């Protein structure tokens, strides 16, 4: 039986130059907006907070909270 990763949130470990997949999935959730972010479009995250962000504005908003 094949298990699909579609429609499943991945667990990632964020590093300075990328991320490592801890649990397979096809997306993560933005820590600020809750929006789904496909792994192939993920560009913004915080290594210190281990959070993903949908865009630069959300990343900036997270920095000031």
C-alpha atoms as a PDB file:
ATOM      1  CA  UNK A   1       0.000   0.000   0.000  1.00  0.00           C
ATOM      2  CA  UNK A   2       1.382   3.388  -0.989  1.00  0.00           C
ATOM      3  CA  UNK A   3       0.982   6.281   1.409  1.00  0.00           C
ATOM      4  CA  UNK A   4       0.591   9.703  -0.168  1.00  0.00           C
ATOM      5  CA  UNK A   5       2.112  12.827   1.384  1.00  0.00           C
ATOM      6  CA  UNK A   6      -0.450  15.065  -0.264  1.00  0.00           C
ATOM      7  CA  UNK A   7      -2.643  17.051   2.075  1.00  0.00           C
ATOM      8  CA  UNK A   8      -0.392  16.237   5.024  1.00  0.00           C
ATOM      9  CA  UNK A   9       1.618  18.837   6.932  1.00  0.00           C
ATOM     10  CA  UNK A  10       5.344  18.135   7.028  1.00  0.00           C
ATOM     11  CA  UNK A  11       7.500  18.578  10.130  1.00  0.00           C
ATOM     12  CA  UNK A  12      10.730  20.369   9.322  1.00  0.00           C
ATOM     13  CA  UNK A  13      13.936  21.348  11.064  1.00  0.00           C
ATOM     14  CA  UNK A  14      14.890  24.801   9.784  1.00  0.00           C
ATOM     15  CA  UNK A  15      18.578  25.553   9.259  1.00  0.00           C
ATOM     16  CA  UNK A  16      20.416  28.638   7.997  1.00  0.00           C
ATOM     17  CA  UNK A  17      20.630  27.444   4.389  1.00  0.00           C
ATOM     18  CA  UNK A  18      17.677  25.105   4.117  1.00  0.00           C
ATOM     19  CA  UNK A  19      15.568  22.669   6.024  1.00  0.00           C
ATOM     20  CA  UNK A  20      15.480  18.968   6.820  1.00  0.00           C
ATOM     21  CA  UNK A  21      12.245  16.976   6.593  1.00  0.00           C
ATOM     22  CA  UNK A  22      11.515  15.227   9.897  1.00  0.00           C
ATOM     23  CA  UNK A  23       8.063  13.936   8.899  1.00  0.00           C
ATOM     24  CA  UNK A  24       7.002  13.802   5.252  1.00  0.00           C
ATOM     25  CA  UNK A  25       4.249  16.009   3.923  1.00  0.00           C
ATOM     26  CA  UNK A  26       3.501  18.432   1.126  1.00  0.00           C
ATOM     27  CA  UNK A  27       3.177  21.678   3.081  1.00  0.00           C
ATOM     28  CA  UNK A  28       3.768  23.570   6.341  1.00  0.00           C
ATOM     29  CA  UNK A  29       1.642  26.247   7.978  1.00  0.00           C
ATOM     30  CA  UNK A  30       2.637  29.887   8.300  1.00  0.00           C
ATOM     31  CA  UNK A  31       3.219  30.718  11.978  1.00  0.00           C
ATOM     32  CA  UNK A  32       1.627  34.161  11.539  1.00  0.00           C
ATOM     33  CA  UNK A  33      -1.274  33.694   9.119  1.00  0.00           C
ATOM     34  CA  UNK A  34      -1.952  29.961   9.284  1.00  0.00           C
ATOM     35  CA  UNK A  35      -1.794  29.768   5.466  1.00  0.00           C
ATOM     36  CA  UNK A  36      -0.557  26.584   3.827  1.00  0.00           C
ATOM     37  CA  UNK A  37       2.887  26.832   2.234  1.00  0.00           C
ATOM     38  CA  UNK A  38       3.884  24.180  -0.279  1.00  0.00           C
ATOM     39  CA  UNK A  39       7.385  22.902   0.470  1.00  0.00           C
ATOM     40  CA  UNK A  40       8.598  23.777  -3.017  1.00  0.00           C
ATOM     41  CA  UNK A  41       7.617  27.439  -2.485  1.00  0.00           C
ATOM     42  CA  UNK A  42       8.856  27.792   1.121  1.00  0.00           C
ATOM     43  CA  UNK A  43      11.323  30.708   1.209  1.00  0.00           C
ATOM     44  CA  UNK A  44      10.950  32.334   4.649  1.00  0.00           C
ATOM     45  CA  UNK A  45      11.576  30.800   8.072  1.00  0.00           C
ATOM     46  CA  UNK A  46      13.190  31.461  11.425  1.00  0.00           C
ATOM     47  CA  UNK A  47      15.977  29.164  12.582  1.00  0.00           C
ATOM     48  CA  UNK A  48      15.739  30.487  16.155  1.00  0.00           C
ATOM     49  CA  UNK A  49      11.947  30.084  16.396  1.00  0.00           C
ATOM     50  CA  UNK A  50      11.710  27.058  14.076  1.00  0.00           C
ATOM     51  CA  UNK A  51       8.747  28.669  12.292  1.00  0.00           C
ATOM     52  CA  UNK A  52       7.777  29.064   8.644  1.00  0.00           C
ATOM     53  CA  UNK A  53       6.311  32.201   7.054  1.00  0.00           C
ATOM     54  CA  UNK A  54       4.269  32.593   3.889  1.00  0.00           C
ATOM     55  CA  UNK A  55       6.000  35.824   2.808  1.00  0.00           C
ATOM     56  CA  UNK A  56       8.464  38.513   3.863  1.00  0.00           C
ATOM     57  CA  UNK A  57       5.734  40.623   5.480  1.00  0.00           C
ATOM     58  CA  UNK A  58       4.710  37.721   7.716  1.00  0.00           C
ATOM     59  CA  UNK A  59       8.345  37.081   8.643  1.00  0.00           C
ATOM     60  CA  UNK A  60       8.750  40.746   9.586  1.00  0.00           C
ATOM     61  CA  UNK A  61       5.532  40.679  11.608  1.00  0.00           C
ATOM     62  CA  UNK A  62       6.829  37.659  13.548  1.00  0.00           C
ATOM     63  CA  UNK A  63      10.048  39.522  14.358  1.00  0.00           C
ATOM     64  CA  UNK A  64       8.195  42.370  16.061  1.00  0.00           C
ATOM     65  CA  UNK A  65       5.842  40.285  18.165  1.00  0.00           C
END
